[in-house]
Amino acid sequence: MNLNFSFFTFQAFSRRSHLQRHMKHLHALDSDGTWKCKECDHVAPSKGGLKVHVAQFHRHERPFLCTECGLTFKTTANLKIHIMRHTVSNTLYNDHQSTYSTNHPGI
């Protein structure tokens, strides 16, 4: 007897069709190997991609924290852009302060 296994739950199925039904309903894996969101029409190429989609767009998770100001972001890319703004802002402020100090001795 050949068994068909779900490598996500380690369950065995006697028929391939039962495994396919299990994969589709429990794990959202479609027959073409893509992962479909149960809440919208989004299709992800991997289970991890689907988890990220659900966390960001349906649960509105913002796990990436700016340690300088405490704002949170959905993606590392958005956090990096935000951090660059801090860097540019601090550089401009420091440049302005040093110019002001040099042009105004005694202050």
N, C-alpha and C. Protein backbone atom coordinates (compact mmCIF):
# COMPACT_ATOMS: atom_id res chain seq x y z
N MET A 1 0.84 -1.17 0.00
CA MET A 1 0.00 0.00 0.00
C MET A 1 0.89 1.25 0.00
N ASN A 2 0.67 2.15 -0.93
CA ASN A 2 1.39 3.41 -0.98
C ASN A 2 0.65 4.44 -0.15
N LEU A 3 1.41 5.17 0.65
CA LEU A 3 0.81 6.23 1.46
C LEU A 3 1.27 7.58 0.94
N ASN A 4 0.41 8.54 1.04
CA ASN A 4 0.70 9.92 0.64
C ASN A 4 0.78 10.74 1.92
N PHE A 5 1.90 11.45 2.10
CA PHE A 5 2.14 12.18 3.34
C PHE A 5 2.03 13.68 3.17
N SER A 6 1.50 14.30 4.21
CA SER A 6 1.55 15.74 4.34
C SER A 6 2.79 16.04 5.15
N PHE A 7 3.76 16.71 4.54
CA PHE A 7 5.00 17.00 5.25
C PHE A 7 4.85 18.17 6.21
N PHE A 8 3.68 18.77 6.24
CA PHE A 8 3.42 19.86 7.17
C PHE A 8 2.88 19.31 8.48
N THR A 9 2.04 18.28 8.40
CA THR A 9 1.43 17.73 9.61
C THR A 9 1.84 16.28 9.85
N PHE A 10 2.59 15.69 8.92
CA PHE A 10 3.04 14.30 9.01
C PHE A 10 1.89 13.31 9.07
N GLN A 11 0.77 13.69 8.43
CA GLN A 11 -0.36 12.78 8.33
C GLN A 11 -0.20 11.94 7.07
N ALA A 12 -0.69 10.71 7.13
CA ALA A 12 -0.65 9.81 5.98
C ALA A 12 -2.06 9.65 5.41
N PHE A 13 -2.12 9.58 4.08
CA PHE A 13 -3.41 9.41 3.39
C PHE A 13 -3.28 8.25 2.42
N SER A 14 -4.30 7.43 2.38
CA SER A 14 -4.26 6.26 1.50
C SER A 14 -4.46 6.65 0.04
N ARG A 15 -5.11 7.75 -0.20
CA ARG A 15 -5.35 8.20 -1.57
C ARG A 15 -4.74 9.57 -1.79
N ARG A 16 -4.20 9.76 -2.99
CA ARG A 16 -3.61 11.05 -3.35
C ARG A 16 -4.66 12.16 -3.32
N SER A 17 -5.89 11.83 -3.72
CA SER A 17 -6.96 12.84 -3.73
C SER A 17 -7.26 13.34 -2.32
N HIS A 18 -7.14 12.46 -1.32
CA HIS A 18 -7.36 12.86 0.06
C HIS A 18 -6.25 13.81 0.53
N LEU A 19 -5.02 13.50 0.13
CA LEU A 19 -3.90 14.38 0.45
C LEU A 19 -4.10 15.75 -0.20
N GLN A 20 -4.51 15.76 -1.46
CA GLN A 20 -4.72 17.03 -2.17
C GLN A 20 -5.81 17.85 -1.49
N ARG A 21 -6.89 17.19 -1.08
CA ARG A 21 -7.96 17.90 -0.38
C ARG A 21 -7.45 18.46 0.95
N HIS A 22 -6.67 17.65 1.67
CA HIS A 22 -6.06 18.08 2.92
C HIS A 22 -5.18 19.31 2.69
N MET A 23 -4.33 19.26 1.68
CA MET A 23 -3.41 20.36 1.40
C MET A 23 -4.17 21.63 1.02
N LYS A 24 -5.22 21.47 0.25
CA LYS A 24 -5.97 22.63 -0.20
C LYS A 24 -6.73 23.29 0.95
N HIS A 25 -7.40 22.49 1.77
CA HIS A 25 -8.25 23.05 2.81
C HIS A 25 -7.49 23.44 4.07
N LEU A 26 -6.53 22.64 4.46
CA LEU A 26 -5.81 22.93 5.71
C LEU A 26 -4.63 23.87 5.48
N HIS A 27 -3.92 23.68 4.39
CA HIS A 27 -2.70 24.44 4.17
C HIS A 27 -2.82 25.48 3.06
N ALA A 28 -3.95 25.58 2.42
CA ALA A 28 -4.20 26.54 1.34
C ALA A 28 -3.31 26.33 0.13
N LEU A 29 -2.78 25.13 -0.05
CA LEU A 29 -1.94 24.83 -1.21
C LEU A 29 -2.82 24.36 -2.35
N ASP A 30 -2.72 25.05 -3.47
CA ASP A 30 -3.54 24.70 -4.63
C ASP A 30 -2.80 23.66 -5.48
N SER A 31 -3.50 23.06 -6.42
CA SER A 31 -2.92 22.00 -7.25
C SER A 31 -1.78 22.49 -8.12
N ASP A 32 -1.71 23.81 -8.39
CA ASP A 32 -0.61 24.32 -9.22
C ASP A 32 0.62 24.68 -8.38
N GLY A 33 0.61 24.34 -7.09
CA GLY A 33 1.76 24.59 -6.24
C GLY A 33 1.82 25.98 -5.65
N THR A 34 0.76 26.75 -5.78
CA THR A 34 0.74 28.09 -5.19
C THR A 34 -0.09 28.08 -3.92
N TRP A 35 0.12 29.08 -3.11
CA TRP A 35 -0.58 29.22 -1.83
C TRP A 35 -1.59 30.34 -1.95
N LYS A 36 -2.86 30.01 -1.74
CA LYS A 36 -3.93 31.00 -1.92
C LYS A 36 -4.45 31.47 -0.56
N CYS A 37 -4.60 32.78 -0.46
CA CYS A 37 -5.13 33.38 0.76
C CYS A 37 -6.61 33.05 0.88
N LYS A 38 -7.03 32.67 2.07
CA LYS A 38 -8.44 32.34 2.30
C LYS A 38 -9.30 33.58 2.48
N GLU A 39 -8.65 34.75 2.67
CA GLU A 39 -9.40 35.98 2.94
C GLU A 39 -9.51 36.91 1.74
N CYS A 40 -8.68 36.69 0.71
CA CYS A 40 -8.74 37.54 -0.48
C CYS A 40 -8.21 36.74 -1.68
N ASP A 41 -7.97 37.39 -2.79
CA ASP A 41 -7.53 36.70 -4.00
C ASP A 41 -6.02 36.59 -4.14
N HIS A 42 -5.27 36.94 -3.11
CA HIS A 42 -3.81 36.92 -3.18
C HIS A 42 -3.30 35.49 -3.36
N VAL A 43 -2.29 35.34 -4.21
CA VAL A 43 -1.64 34.04 -4.43
C VAL A 43 -0.16 34.21 -4.14
N ALA A 44 0.40 33.35 -3.31
CA ALA A 44 1.81 33.43 -2.94
C ALA A 44 2.54 32.19 -3.46
N PRO A 45 3.82 32.34 -3.79
CA PRO A 45 4.58 31.20 -4.30
C PRO A 45 5.05 30.24 -3.21
N SER A 46 4.94 30.67 -1.94
CA SER A 46 5.39 29.81 -0.84
C SER A 46 4.50 29.99 0.38
N LYS A 47 4.58 29.03 1.29
CA LYS A 47 3.81 29.12 2.53
C LYS A 47 4.27 30.33 3.34
N GLY A 48 5.58 30.56 3.37
CA GLY A 48 6.12 31.71 4.10
C GLY A 48 5.62 33.02 3.53
N GLY A 49 5.55 33.09 2.20
CA GLY A 49 5.04 34.30 1.56
C GLY A 49 3.58 34.55 1.92
N LEU A 50 2.81 33.49 2.01
CA LEU A 50 1.40 33.62 2.39
C LEU A 50 1.29 34.08 3.85
N LYS A 51 2.15 33.55 4.72
CA LYS A 51 2.12 33.97 6.13
C LYS A 51 2.43 35.46 6.27
N VAL A 52 3.41 35.93 5.51
CA VAL A 52 3.76 37.35 5.54
C VAL A 52 2.58 38.18 5.05
N HIS A 53 1.96 37.76 3.96
CA HIS A 53 0.80 38.47 3.40
C HIS A 53 -0.31 38.58 4.45
N VAL A 54 -0.66 37.48 5.07
CA VAL A 54 -1.75 37.47 6.06
C VAL A 54 -1.39 38.37 7.24
N ALA A 55 -0.15 38.29 7.71
CA ALA A 55 0.27 39.11 8.86
C ALA A 55 0.20 40.60 8.52
N GLN A 56 0.66 40.97 7.34
CA GLN A 56 0.73 42.39 6.99
C GLN A 56 -0.59 42.98 6.54
N PHE A 57 -1.37 42.22 5.79
CA PHE A 57 -2.56 42.79 5.18
C PHE A 57 -3.87 42.45 5.87
N HIS A 58 -3.89 41.36 6.62
CA HIS A 58 -5.15 40.99 7.27
C HIS A 58 -5.08 41.17 8.79
N ARG A 59 -3.92 40.97 9.36
CA ARG A 59 -3.76 41.18 10.81
C ARG A 59 -3.14 42.53 11.12
N HIS A 60 -2.67 43.21 10.09
CA HIS A 60 -2.06 44.54 10.21
C HIS A 60 -0.90 44.55 11.20
N GLU A 61 -0.11 43.48 11.19
CA GLU A 61 1.06 43.42 12.06
C GLU A 61 2.15 44.36 11.55
N ARG A 62 2.85 44.98 12.46
CA ARG A 62 3.94 45.90 12.15
C ARG A 62 5.13 45.52 13.05
N PRO A 63 5.82 44.44 12.71
CA PRO A 63 6.84 43.90 13.62
C PRO A 63 8.21 44.58 13.59
N PHE A 64 8.42 45.53 12.68
CA PHE A 64 9.74 46.13 12.54
C PHE A 64 9.78 47.49 13.24
N LEU A 65 10.56 47.57 14.32
CA LEU A 65 10.59 48.72 15.21
C LEU A 65 11.78 49.62 14.96
N CYS A 66 11.54 50.93 14.90
CA CYS A 66 12.61 51.92 14.84
C CYS A 66 13.06 52.15 16.28
N THR A 67 14.31 51.84 16.58
CA THR A 67 14.80 51.98 17.94
C THR A 67 15.04 53.44 18.31
N GLU A 68 15.07 54.32 17.32
CA GLU A 68 15.30 55.73 17.61
C GLU A 68 14.03 56.46 18.06
N CYS A 69 12.90 56.15 17.43
CA CYS A 69 11.68 56.89 17.77
C CYS A 69 10.50 56.01 18.17
N GLY A 70 10.61 54.69 18.01
CA GLY A 70 9.54 53.80 18.44
C GLY A 70 8.45 53.51 17.41
N LEU A 71 8.52 54.12 16.22
CA LEU A 71 7.53 53.80 15.18
C LEU A 71 7.74 52.37 14.70
N THR A 72 6.66 51.73 14.26
CA THR A 72 6.75 50.36 13.74
C THR A 72 6.32 50.33 12.28
N PHE A 73 6.82 49.31 11.56
CA PHE A 73 6.58 49.20 10.13
C PHE A 73 6.25 47.77 9.74
N LYS A 74 5.55 47.64 8.62
CA LYS A 74 5.16 46.32 8.11
C LYS A 74 6.33 45.58 7.48
N THR A 75 7.26 46.31 6.87
CA THR A 75 8.37 45.66 6.15
C THR A 75 9.70 46.25 6.57
N THR A 76 10.76 45.48 6.38
CA THR A 76 12.10 45.98 6.68
C THR A 76 12.47 47.09 5.71
N ALA A 77 11.97 47.01 4.49
CA ALA A 77 12.27 48.06 3.50
C ALA A 77 11.73 49.41 3.98
N ASN A 78 10.51 49.43 4.50
CA ASN A 78 9.93 50.68 5.01
C ASN A 78 10.70 51.18 6.22
N LEU A 79 11.14 50.27 7.07
CA LEU A 79 11.94 50.67 8.23
C LEU A 79 13.27 51.28 7.79
N LYS A 80 13.93 50.68 6.80
CA LYS A 80 15.20 51.21 6.31
C LYS A 80 15.04 52.62 5.74
N ILE A 81 13.98 52.85 4.99
CA ILE A 81 13.72 54.18 4.44
C ILE A 81 13.51 55.18 5.59
N HIS A 82 12.76 54.77 6.58
CA HIS A 82 12.51 55.62 7.73
C HIS A 82 13.81 55.96 8.47
N ILE A 83 14.66 54.96 8.67
CA ILE A 83 15.94 55.17 9.36
C ILE A 83 16.81 56.14 8.58
N MET A 84 16.78 56.04 7.25
CA MET A 84 17.55 56.99 6.43
C MET A 84 17.06 58.42 6.68
N ARG A 85 15.78 58.61 6.89
CA ARG A 85 15.25 59.94 7.17
C ARG A 85 15.82 60.47 8.49
N HIS A 86 15.93 59.59 9.49
CA HIS A 86 16.56 60.01 10.75
C HIS A 86 18.00 60.44 10.50
N THR A 87 18.72 59.64 9.72
CA THR A 87 20.13 59.92 9.45
C THR A 87 20.29 61.25 8.72
N VAL A 88 19.49 61.46 7.68
CA VAL A 88 19.55 62.71 6.92
C VAL A 88 19.16 63.88 7.81
N SER A 89 18.10 63.72 8.57
CA SER A 89 17.63 64.78 9.45
C SER A 89 18.71 65.14 10.48
N ASN A 90 19.33 64.15 11.09
CA ASN A 90 20.38 64.40 12.08
C ASN A 90 21.59 65.05 11.44
N THR A 91 21.96 64.63 10.24
CA THR A 91 23.10 65.20 9.54
C THR A 91 22.83 66.67 9.21
N LEU A 92 21.65 66.97 8.68
CA LEU A 92 21.30 68.35 8.37
C LEU A 92 21.28 69.21 9.63
N TYR A 93 20.75 68.68 10.70
CA TYR A 93 20.68 69.42 11.96
C TYR A 93 22.10 69.72 12.46
N ASN A 94 22.98 68.69 12.45
CA ASN A 94 24.35 68.86 12.92
C ASN A 94 25.11 69.84 12.04
N ASP A 95 24.92 69.76 10.72
CA ASP A 95 25.57 70.69 9.80
C ASP A 95 25.11 72.12 10.09
N HIS A 96 23.81 72.30 10.31
CA HIS A 96 23.26 73.62 10.59
C HIS A 96 23.83 74.15 11.91
N GLN A 97 23.91 73.28 12.92
CA GLN A 97 24.44 73.70 14.22
C GLN A 97 25.89 74.12 14.11
N SER A 98 26.72 73.34 13.38
CA SER A 98 28.14 73.68 13.28
C SER A 98 28.32 74.97 12.46
N THR A 99 27.53 75.18 11.42
CA THR A 99 27.60 76.40 10.62
C THR A 99 27.19 77.59 11.47
N TYR A 100 26.13 77.42 12.25
CA TYR A 100 25.64 78.51 13.09
C TYR A 100 26.70 78.87 14.14
N SER A 101 27.34 77.86 14.74
CA SER A 101 28.35 78.10 15.76
C SER A 101 29.56 78.80 15.18
N THR A 102 29.99 78.39 13.97
CA THR A 102 31.18 78.99 13.37
C THR A 102 30.93 80.42 12.92
N ASN A 103 29.74 80.70 12.44
CA ASN A 103 29.43 82.04 11.95
C ASN A 103 29.08 83.01 13.07
N HIS A 104 28.83 82.50 14.24
CA HIS A 104 28.43 83.34 15.35
C HIS A 104 29.31 83.03 16.57
N PRO A 105 30.57 83.50 16.53
CA PRO A 105 31.45 83.21 17.67
C PRO A 105 30.90 83.84 18.95
N GLY A 106 31.17 83.16 19.99
CA GLY A 106 30.71 83.67 21.28
C GLY A 106 29.33 83.19 21.65
N ILE A 107 28.69 82.47 20.78
CA ILE A 107 27.34 81.95 21.11
C ILE A 107 27.50 80.49 21.44
